C-alpha atoms as a PDB file:
ATOM      1  CA  MET A   1     -17.894 -66.405  32.280  1.00  0.00           C
ATOM      2  CA  ASN A   2     -17.425 -68.576  29.199  1.00  0.00           C
ATOM      3  CA  ILE A   3     -17.616 -65.498  26.986  1.00  0.00           C
ATOM      4  CA  LYS A   4     -14.792 -63.888  28.964  1.00  0.00           C
ATOM      5  CA  ILE A   5     -12.687 -67.039  28.642  1.00  0.00           C
ATOM      6  CA  VAL A   6     -13.317 -67.168  24.878  1.00  0.00           C
ATOM      7  CA  ALA A   7     -12.478 -63.472  24.521  1.00  0.00           C
ATOM      8  CA  PHE A   8      -9.298 -63.905  26.556  1.00  0.00           C
ATOM      9  CA  THR A   9      -8.302 -66.939  24.468  1.00  0.00           C
ATOM     10  CA  VAL A  10      -8.871 -64.991  21.221  1.00  0.00           C
ATOM     11  CA  LEU A  11      -6.782 -62.101  22.561  1.00  0.00           C
ATOM     12  CA  ILE A  12      -3.915 -64.456  23.456  1.00  0.00           C
ATOM     13  CA  CYS A  13      -4.083 -65.999  19.964  1.00  0.00           C
ATOM     14  CA  ILE A  14      -3.922 -62.556  18.354  1.00  0.00           C
ATOM     15  CA  ILE A  15      -0.896 -61.582  20.452  1.00  0.00           C
ATOM     16  CA  ILE A  16       0.906 -64.829  19.627  1.00  0.00           C
ATOM     17  CA  SER A  17       0.070 -64.473  15.919  1.00  0.00           C
ATOM     18  CA  THR A  18       1.401 -60.907  15.940  1.00  0.00           C
ATOM     19  CA  ILE A  19       4.656 -61.958  17.597  1.00  0.00           C
ATOM     20  CA  VAL A  20       5.106 -64.802  15.105  1.00  0.00           C
ATOM     21  CA  PHE A  21       4.337 -62.478  12.189  1.00  0.00           C
ATOM     22  CA  PHE A  22       6.964 -59.918  13.183  1.00  0.00           C
ATOM     23  CA  ALA A  23       9.477 -62.645  13.985  1.00  0.00           C
ATOM     24  CA  GLN A  24       8.992 -64.103  10.515  1.00  0.00           C
ATOM     25  CA  LYS A  25       9.165 -60.643   8.999  1.00  0.00           C
ATOM     26  CA  GLU A  26      12.451 -60.043  10.809  1.00  0.00           C
ATOM     27  CA  LYS A  27      13.805 -63.321   9.441  1.00  0.00           C
ATOM     28  CA  ILE A  28      12.777 -62.269   5.929  1.00  0.00           C
ATOM     29  CA  ILE A  29      14.596 -58.966   6.324  1.00  0.00           C
ATOM     30  CA  GLU A  30      17.742 -60.702   7.544  1.00  0.00           C
ATOM     31  CA  LYS A  31      17.551 -63.170   4.660  1.00  0.00           C
ATOM     32  CA  GLU A  32      17.083 -60.401   2.107  1.00  0.00           C
ATOM     33  CA  GLU A  33      20.200 -58.603   3.345  1.00  0.00           C
ATOM     34  CA  SER A  34      22.389 -61.716   3.560  1.00  0.00           C
ATOM     35  CA  PHE A  35      24.130 -61.474   0.223  1.00  0.00           C
ATOM     36  CA  ASP A  36      26.246 -63.884  -1.739  1.00  0.00           C
ATOM     37  CA  ILE A  37      28.258 -63.431  -4.905  1.00  0.00           C
ATOM     38  CA  LYS A  38      25.116 -63.689  -7.062  1.00  0.00           C
ATOM     39  CA  ILE A  39      24.299 -60.089  -6.119  1.00  0.00           C
ATOM     40  CA  CYS A  40      27.135 -59.068  -8.445  1.00  0.00           C
ATOM     41  CA  ASP A  41      24.984 -60.144 -11.407  1.00  0.00           C
ATOM     42  CA  ASP A  42      22.671 -57.235 -10.612  1.00  0.00           C
ATOM     43  CA  ILE A  43      25.498 -54.723 -11.070  1.00  0.00           C
ATOM     44  CA  LYS A  44      25.588 -53.656 -14.711  1.00  0.00           C
ATOM     45  CA  THR A  45      28.556 -51.262 -14.715  1.00  0.00           C
ATOM     46  CA  TYR A  46      31.486 -53.495 -15.727  1.00  0.00           C
ATOM     47  CA  ASP A  47      34.208 -51.969 -13.500  1.00  0.00           C
ATOM     48  CA  LEU A  48      31.897 -51.897 -10.480  1.00  0.00           C
ATOM     49  CA  LYS A  49      30.918 -55.520 -11.104  1.00  0.00           C
ATOM     50  CA  LEU A  50      34.638 -56.402 -10.941  1.00  0.00           C
ATOM     51  CA  ILE A  51      34.808 -54.636  -7.583  1.00  0.00           C
ATOM     52  CA  CYS A  52      31.809 -56.616  -6.338  1.00  0.00           C
ATOM     53  CA  LEU A  53      33.455 -59.889  -7.418  1.00  0.00           C
ATOM     54  CA  SER A  54      36.720 -58.811  -5.804  1.00  0.00           C
ATOM     55  CA  ILE A  55      34.932 -58.158  -2.502  1.00  0.00           C
ATOM     56  CA  PHE A  56      33.150 -61.518  -2.419  1.00  0.00           C
ATOM     57  CA  THR A  57      36.197 -63.544  -3.462  1.00  0.00           C
ATOM     58  CA  ASP A  58      38.738 -61.678  -1.287  1.00  0.00           C
ATOM     59  CA  ASN A  59      40.742 -61.314  -4.471  1.00  0.00           C
ATOM     60  CA  PRO A  60      42.185 -57.798  -4.913  1.00  0.00           C
ATOM     61  CA  SER A  61      44.162 -58.943  -7.966  1.00  0.00           C
ATOM     62  CA  ARG A  62      40.963 -58.370  -9.956  1.00  0.00           C
ATOM     63  CA  CYS A  63      41.396 -54.655  -9.300  1.00  0.00           C
ATOM     64  CA  LYS A  64      44.074 -54.409 -11.996  1.00  0.00           C
ATOM     65  CA  GLU A  65      41.253 -54.790 -14.516  1.00  0.00           C
ATOM     66  CA  ALA A  66      39.092 -52.063 -12.964  1.00  0.00           C
ATOM     67  CA  GLY A  67      40.546 -49.244 -15.072  1.00  0.00           C
ATOM     68  CA  ASN A  68      40.180 -45.815 -13.477  1.00  0.00           C
ATOM     69  CA  PHE A  69      38.409 -47.446 -10.537  1.00  0.00           C
ATOM     70  CA  ASP A  70      41.426 -49.528  -9.490  1.00  0.00           C
ATOM     71  CA  ASN A  71      42.123 -47.528  -6.305  1.00  0.00           C
ATOM     72  CA  TYR A  72      38.443 -47.591  -5.358  1.00  0.00           C
ATOM     73  CA  CYS A  73      38.510 -51.339  -5.983  1.00  0.00           C
ATOM     74  CA  TYR A  74      41.485 -51.861  -3.654  1.00  0.00           C
ATOM     75  CA  GLU A  75      39.945 -49.652  -0.976  1.00  0.00           C
ATOM     76  CA  SER A  76      36.602 -51.469  -1.188  1.00  0.00           C
ATOM     77  CA  THR A  77      38.112 -54.956  -1.196  1.00  0.00           C
ATOM     78  CA  PHE A  78      40.508 -54.279   1.677  1.00  0.00           C
ATOM     79  CA  GLU A  79      37.735 -52.625   3.687  1.00  0.00           C
ATOM     80  CA  ALA A  80      35.592 -55.751   3.416  1.00  0.00           C
ATOM     81  CA  MET A  81      38.377 -58.335   3.845  1.00  0.00           C
ATOM     82  CA  LYS A  82      38.960 -60.091   7.164  1.00  0.00           C
ATOM     83  CA  ASN A  83      42.035 -62.176   6.432  1.00  0.00           C
ATOM     84  CA  PHE A  84      45.230 -60.185   5.874  1.00  0.00           C
ATOM     85  CA  SER A  85      48.846 -61.237   5.849  1.00  0.00           C
ATOM     86  CA  GLU A  86      52.128 -59.449   5.305  1.00  0.00           C
ATOM     87  CA  SER A  87      52.844 -61.719   2.351  1.00  0.00           C
ATOM     88  CA  LEU A  88      49.682 -60.375   0.708  1.00  0.00           C
ATOM     89  CA  CYS A  89      50.839 -56.769   1.183  1.00  0.00           C
ATOM     90  CA  LYS A  90      54.369 -57.526  -0.014  1.00  0.00           C
ATOM     91  CA  GLY A  91      52.892 -58.960  -3.191  1.00  0.00           C
ATOM     92  CA  PHE A  92      51.851 -55.518  -4.437  1.00  0.00           C
ATOM     93  CA  SER A  93      54.523 -53.737  -6.449  1.00  0.00           C
ATOM     94  CA  ASP A  94      52.439 -50.560  -6.831  1.00  0.00           C
ATOM     95  CA  TYR A  95      52.694 -48.055  -4.001  1.00  0.00           C
ATOM     96  CA  SER A  96      48.988 -47.314  -3.498  1.00  0.00           C
ATOM     97  CA  PRO A  97      47.616 -50.847  -2.973  1.00  0.00           C
ATOM     98  CA  ARG A  98      50.686 -51.866  -0.935  1.00  0.00           C
ATOM     99  CA  THR A  99      50.383 -48.989   1.554  1.00  0.00           C
ATOM    100  CA  LEU A 100      46.621 -49.420   1.787  1.00  0.00           C
ATOM    101  CA  CYS A 101      47.115 -53.137   2.425  1.00  0.00           C
ATOM    102  CA  TYR A 102      49.539 -52.411   5.283  1.00  0.00           C
ATOM    103  CA  LEU A 103      47.086 -49.886   6.707  1.00  0.00           C
ATOM    104  CA  ARG A 104      44.368 -52.532   6.879  1.00  0.00           C
ATOM    105  CA  LEU A 105      46.816 -55.180   8.095  1.00  0.00           C
ATOM    106  CA  ALA A 106      47.778 -52.877  10.974  1.00  0.00           C
ATOM    107  CA  GLU A 107      44.102 -52.378  11.818  1.00  0.00           C
ATOM    108  CA  THR A 108      43.156 -56.052  11.718  1.00  0.00           C
ATOM    109  CA  SER A 109      46.240 -57.181  13.655  1.00  0.00           C
ATOM    110  CA  LYS A 110      46.209 -54.119  15.956  1.00  0.00           C
ATOM    111  CA  ASP A 111      49.955 -53.829  15.411  1.00  0.00           C
ATOM    112  CA  PRO A 112      51.131 -50.168  15.352  1.00  0.00           C
ATOM    113  CA  SER A 113      54.599 -51.153  14.095  1.00  0.00           C
ATOM    114  CA  LEU A 114      53.017 -51.987  10.726  1.00  0.00           C
ATOM    115  CA  CYS A 115      51.973 -48.350  10.292  1.00  0.00           C
ATOM    116  CA  GLU A 116      55.585 -47.584   9.395  1.00  0.00           C
ATOM    117  CA  LYS A 117      55.076 -49.686   6.265  1.00  0.00           C
ATOM    118  CA  ALA A 118      51.947 -47.760   5.327  1.00  0.00           C
ATOM    119  CA  GLY A 119      54.061 -45.033   3.742  1.00  0.00           C
ATOM    120  CA  GLY A 120      52.173 -41.783   3.303  1.00  0.00           C
ATOM    121  CA  ARG A 121      49.260 -43.293   5.201  1.00  0.00           C
ATOM    122  CA  TYR A 122      51.321 -43.503   8.396  1.00  0.00           C
ATOM    123  CA  GLN A 123      49.401 -40.860  10.327  1.00  0.00           C
ATOM    124  CA  GLU A 124      46.062 -42.101   9.024  1.00  0.00           C
ATOM    125  CA  CYS A 125      47.118 -45.550  10.215  1.00  0.00           C
ATOM    126  CA  SER A 126      48.009 -44.214  13.671  1.00  0.00           C
ATOM    127  CA  TRP A 127      44.642 -42.472  13.949  1.00  0.00           C
ATOM    128  CA  GLU A 128      42.627 -45.518  12.882  1.00  0.00           C
ATOM    129  CA  LEU A 129      44.598 -47.799  15.180  1.00  0.00           C
ATOM    130  CA  ALA A 130      44.200 -45.348  18.063  1.00  0.00           C
ATOM    131  CA  LYS A 131      40.416 -45.571  17.662  1.00  0.00           C
ATOM    132  CA  ILE A 132      40.453 -49.356  17.510  1.00  0.00           C
ATOM    133  CA  THR A 133      42.794 -49.894  20.465  1.00  0.00           C
ATOM    134  CA  LYS A 134      41.721 -46.806  22.458  1.00  0.00           C
ATOM    135  CA  ASN A 135      45.409 -45.939  22.742  1.00  0.00           C
ATOM    136  CA  GLN A 136      45.691 -42.155  22.835  1.00  0.00           C
ATOM    137  CA  LYS A 137      49.496 -42.317  22.628  1.00  0.00           C
ATOM    138  CA  LEU A 138      49.106 -43.233  18.965  1.00  0.00           C
ATOM    139  CA  CYS A 139      47.368 -39.898  18.392  1.00  0.00           C
ATOM    140  CA  GLU A 140      50.629 -38.219  19.366  1.00  0.00           C
ATOM    141  CA  GLU A 141      52.165 -39.696  16.204  1.00  0.00           C
ATOM    142  CA  ILE A 142      49.977 -37.290  14.203  1.00  0.00           C
ATOM    143  CA  GLU A 143      51.951 -34.142  13.361  1.00  0.00           C
ATOM    144  CA  VAL A 144      49.092 -31.803  12.357  1.00  0.00           C
ATOM    145  CA  ASP A 145      47.855 -30.168  15.571  1.00  0.00           C
ATOM    146  CA  PHE A 146      44.125 -30.062  14.873  1.00  0.00           C
ATOM    147  CA  GLU A 147      44.133 -33.667  13.583  1.00  0.00           C
ATOM    148  CA  GLN A 148      46.006 -34.786  16.698  1.00  0.00           C
ATOM    149  CA  ASN A 149      43.413 -33.112  18.910  1.00  0.00           C
ATOM    150  CA  GLU A 150      40.544 -34.574  16.861  1.00  0.00           C
ATOM    151  CA  CYS A 151      42.118 -38.004  17.270  1.00  0.00           C
ATOM    152  CA  LEU A 152      42.480 -37.514  21.036  1.00  0.00           C
ATOM    153  CA  ALA A 153      38.899 -36.274  21.289  1.00  0.00           C
ATOM    154  CA  GLU A 154      37.595 -39.265  19.341  1.00  0.00           C
ATOM    155  CA  VAL A 155      39.626 -41.800  21.312  1.00  0.00           C
ATOM    156  CA  THR A 156      38.909 -40.376  24.772  1.00  0.00           C
ATOM    157  CA  GLY A 157      35.502 -38.790  24.182  1.00  0.00           C
ATOM    158  CA  ASP A 158      36.871 -35.695  25.921  1.00  0.00           C
ATOM    159  CA  VAL A 159      35.530 -32.515  24.276  1.00  0.00           C
ATOM    160  CA  SER A 160      38.293 -30.427  25.869  1.00  0.00           C
ATOM    161  CA  PHE A 161      40.558 -31.585  23.022  1.00  0.00           C
ATOM    162  CA  CYS A 162      38.091 -30.058  20.543  1.00  0.00           C
ATOM    163  CA  GLU A 163      38.330 -26.754  22.420  1.00  0.00           C
ATOM    164  CA  LYS A 164      42.085 -26.660  21.779  1.00  0.00           C
ATOM    165  CA  ILE A 165      41.549 -26.517  18.008  1.00  0.00           C
ATOM    166  CA  ILE A 166      42.105 -22.989  16.680  1.00  0.00           C
ATOM    167  CA  SER A 167      40.189 -23.324  13.396  1.00  0.00           C
ATOM    168  CA  ASP A 168      36.472 -22.647  13.883  1.00  0.00           C
ATOM    169  CA  ILE A 169      35.599 -25.102  11.142  1.00  0.00           C
ATOM    170  CA  GLU A 170      37.714 -27.950  12.477  1.00  0.00           C
ATOM    171  CA  ARG A 171      36.692 -27.233  16.080  1.00  0.00           C
ATOM    172  CA  GLY A 172      33.032 -27.349  15.108  1.00  0.00           C
ATOM    173  CA  THR A 173      33.574 -30.532  13.114  1.00  0.00           C
ATOM    174  CA  CYS A 174      35.284 -32.082  16.134  1.00  0.00           C
ATOM    175  CA  PHE A 175      32.267 -31.371  18.371  1.00  0.00           C
ATOM    176  CA  ILE A 176      29.895 -32.815  15.786  1.00  0.00           C
ATOM    177  CA  MET A 177      32.102 -35.885  15.309  1.00  0.00           C
ATOM    178  CA  LEU A 178      31.654 -36.651  19.008  1.00  0.00           C
ATOM    179  CA  GLY A 179      27.914 -36.232  18.712  1.00  0.00           C
ATOM    180  CA  LYS A 180      28.063 -32.973  20.676  1.00  0.00           C
ATOM    181  CA  ASN A 181      25.845 -30.282  19.156  1.00  0.00           C
ATOM    182  CA  ALA A 182      25.126 -32.653  16.251  1.00  0.00           C
ATOM    183  CA  ASP A 183      22.590 -30.329  14.690  1.00  0.00           C
ATOM    184  CA  ILE A 184      22.290 -29.658  10.967  1.00  0.00           C
ATOM    185  CA  LYS A 185      21.976 -25.935  11.697  1.00  0.00           C
ATOM    186  CA  LYS A 186      25.493 -25.986  13.115  1.00  0.00           C
ATOM    187  CA  CYS A 187      26.859 -26.804   9.660  1.00  0.00           C
ATOM    188  CA  GLY A 188      25.790 -23.410   8.331  1.00  0.00           C
ATOM    189  CA  GLU A 189      27.222 -21.664  11.385  1.00  0.00           C
ATOM    190  CA  ILE A 190      30.567 -23.438  11.100  1.00  0.00           C
ATOM    191  CA  VAL A 191      30.962 -22.766   7.394  1.00  0.00           C
ATOM    192  CA  SER A 192      29.890 -19.123   7.477  1.00  0.00           C
ATOM    193  CA  ILE A 193      32.531 -18.255  10.066  1.00  0.00           C
ATOM    194  CA  GLU A 194      35.585 -19.038   8.002  1.00  0.00           C
ATOM    195  CA  ASN A 195      34.963 -20.361   4.541  1.00  0.00           C
ATOM    196  CA  PRO A 196      31.621 -20.537   2.701  1.00  0.00           C
ATOM    197  CA  SER A 197      32.760 -23.609   0.797  1.00  0.00           C
ATOM    198  CA  TYR A 198      30.388 -26.422  -0.154  1.00  0.00           C
ATOM    199  CA  ALA A 199      33.145 -28.918   0.667  1.00  0.00           C
ATOM    200  CA  TYR A 200      32.971 -28.062   4.352  1.00  0.00           C
ATOM    201  CA  SER A 201      29.188 -27.976   4.506  1.00  0.00           C
ATOM    202  CA  GLN A 202      28.955 -31.351   2.717  1.00  0.00           C
ATOM    203  CA  GLN A 203      31.449 -32.899   5.140  1.00  0.00           C
ATOM    204  CA  CYS A 204      29.548 -31.421   8.060  1.00  0.00           C
ATOM    205  CA  ILE A 205      26.198 -32.795   6.842  1.00  0.00           C
ATOM    206  CA  VAL A 206      27.706 -36.265   6.495  1.00  0.00           C
ATOM    207  CA  SER A 207      29.111 -36.027  10.035  1.00  0.00           C
ATOM    208  CA  VAL A 208      25.742 -34.996  11.490  1.00  0.00           C
ATOM    209  CA  ALA A 209      23.878 -37.684   9.517  1.00  0.00           C
ATOM    210  CA  LEU A 210      26.226 -40.388  10.801  1.00  0.00           C
ATOM    211  CA  ALA A 211      26.247 -39.034  14.366  1.00  0.00           C
ATOM    212  CA  THR A 212      22.448 -38.866  14.555  1.00  0.00           C
ATOM    213  CA  LYS A 213      21.813 -41.831  12.200  1.00  0.00           C
ATOM    214  CA  ASP A 214      19.312 -39.625  10.386  1.00  0.00           C
ATOM    215  CA  ILE A 215      19.251 -40.910   6.802  1.00  0.00           C
ATOM    216  CA  SER A 216      17.007 -38.060   5.626  1.00  0.00           C
ATOM    217  CA  LEU A 217      19.961 -35.672   6.016  1.00  0.00           C
ATOM    218  CA  CYS A 218      21.829 -37.545   3.264  1.00  0.00           C
ATOM    219  CA  ASP A 219      19.468 -36.025   0.697  1.00  0.00           C
ATOM    220  CA  LEU A 220      20.831 -32.576   1.573  1.00  0.00           C
ATOM    221  CA  ILE A 221      24.279 -33.559   0.282  1.00  0.00           C
ATOM    222  CA  GLU A 222      24.839 -32.221  -3.236  1.00  0.00           C
ATOM    223  CA  ASN A 223      27.924 -34.262  -4.068  1.00  0.00           C
ATOM    224  CA  LYS A 224      26.589 -37.496  -5.568  1.00  0.00           C
ATOM    225  CA  GLU A 225      29.406 -39.730  -4.352  1.00  0.00           C
ATOM    226  CA  ALA A 226      29.120 -38.446  -0.777  1.00  0.00           C
ATOM    227  CA  ARG A 227      25.314 -38.623  -0.875  1.00  0.00           C
ATOM    228  CA  TRP A 228      25.166 -42.237  -2.035  1.00  0.00           C
ATOM    229  CA  ARG A 229      27.844 -43.283   0.449  1.00  0.00           C
ATOM    230  CA  CYS A 230      25.769 -41.677   3.194  1.00  0.00           C
ATOM    231  CA  LEU A 231      22.518 -43.315   2.061  1.00  0.00           C
ATOM    232  CA  ALA A 232      24.118 -46.744   1.643  1.00  0.00           C
ATOM    233  CA  SER A 233      25.824 -46.661   5.043  1.00  0.00           C
ATOM    234  CA  LEU A 234      22.664 -45.682   6.939  1.00  0.00           C
ATOM    235  CA  SER A 235      20.024 -47.643   5.019  1.00  0.00           C
ATOM    236  CA  LYS A 236      18.796 -51.012   6.277  1.00  0.00           C
ATOM    237  CA  SER A 237      17.884 -52.172   2.791  1.00  0.00           C
ATOM    238  CA  ILE A 238      19.700 -52.224  -0.543  1.00  0.00           C
ATOM    239  CA  ASP A 239      16.452 -51.040  -2.104  1.00  0.00           C
ATOM    240  CA  ILE A 240      17.645 -47.526  -1.267  1.00  0.00           C
ATOM    241  CA  CYS A 241      19.866 -47.816  -4.347  1.00  0.00           C
ATOM    242  CA  LYS A 242      16.889 -47.990  -6.708  1.00  0.00           C
ATOM    243  CA  GLY A 243      16.653 -44.214  -6.417  1.00  0.00           C
ATOM    244  CA  GLY A 244      19.927 -43.753  -8.288  1.00  0.00           C
ATOM    245  CA  GLU A 245      19.920 -41.065 -11.001  1.00  0.00           C
ATOM    246  CA  ASN A 246      21.304 -43.574 -13.473  1.00  0.00           C
ATOM    247  CA  GLN A 247      22.753 -47.071 -13.654  1.00  0.00           C
ATOM    248  CA  PHE A 248      26.209 -46.011 -12.497  1.00  0.00           C
ATOM    249  CA  TRP A 249      25.044 -44.390  -9.252  1.00  0.00           C
ATOM    250  CA  GLU A 250      22.663 -47.257  -8.559  1.00  0.00           C
ATOM    251  CA  ASP A 251      25.559 -49.697  -8.933  1.00  0.00           C
ATOM    252  CA  PHE A 252      27.890 -47.492  -6.879  1.00  0.00           C
ATOM    253  CA  CYS A 253      25.301 -47.408  -4.094  1.00  0.00           C
ATOM    254  CA  LYS A 254      25.060 -51.217  -4.157  1.00  0.00           C
ATOM    255  CA  ILE A 255      28.830 -51.532  -3.746  1.00  0.00           C
ATOM    256  CA  GLU A 256      28.744 -49.150  -0.767  1.00  0.00           C
ATOM    257  CA  PHE A 257      25.812 -51.013   0.796  1.00  0.00           C
ATOM    258  CA  ILE A 258      27.527 -54.389   0.365  1.00  0.00           C
ATOM    259  CA  LYS A 259      30.690 -52.962   1.947  1.00  0.00           C
ATOM    260  CA  SER A 260      28.694 -51.688   4.910  1.00  0.00           C
ATOM    261  CA  THR A 261      27.205 -55.152   5.522  1.00  0.00           C
ATOM    262  CA  PHE A 262      30.682 -56.706   5.495  1.00  0.00           C
ATOM    263  CA  THR A 263      32.004 -54.001   7.833  1.00  0.00           C
ATOM    264  CA  GLN A 264      29.171 -54.562  10.326  1.00  0.00           C
ATOM    265  CA  LYS A 265      29.998 -58.272  10.463  1.00  0.00           C
ATOM    266  CA  THR A 266      33.660 -57.698  11.351  1.00  0.00           C
END
């Protein structure tokens, strides 16, 4: 009887130790992925380091120094920012950062009237806001038929809107976007019907990878920018970036991973 009690006690201790171990391991993982501005020191590419600093300081004015990466800098900083104001957007004299700022301001404030100030991004603004607010009327602001139906399908989850799309490629992409028939084999079928272009197949692979959360599919993407965006958005650890072909792509991956952690917190 004593032996059974001892054995039972040992078993309980093992179970408790295991639970504690995994709990501590989980805490370590969370700590490792909780970044501060010091992570920017690990980014060696000068322009990308500026983008990292801009993200952590909520200071898009740094983007003026980012050379050919200025638009990417604005996009990255605005994507990660939480606090927007119209005075911030008005402060940009250049068209691109100003319209992008209003796009994000409309999203964060959920105010569709601000889309009118997003210039050429008006319809993109309506689509994004429709997804956030689940307001399908905003999809009707989109003039291109297949994009309007894709917006309606995404907002309502109703695949019948996908069926209204004439283009085989866009119709197939619509189904995959909703997670319907999200199969990598479908990408080849969609592309072969109308246009055997890598651009469509790459876009399709990204859509399936995101819909299924299957990070292994990212490796099938030939375009380096799209592949590293895919890997960074689906990976749970920034260590994924160590596989970069060179310093630039490793640093680019880190920026995308940092952005994804900020986006998940909002």
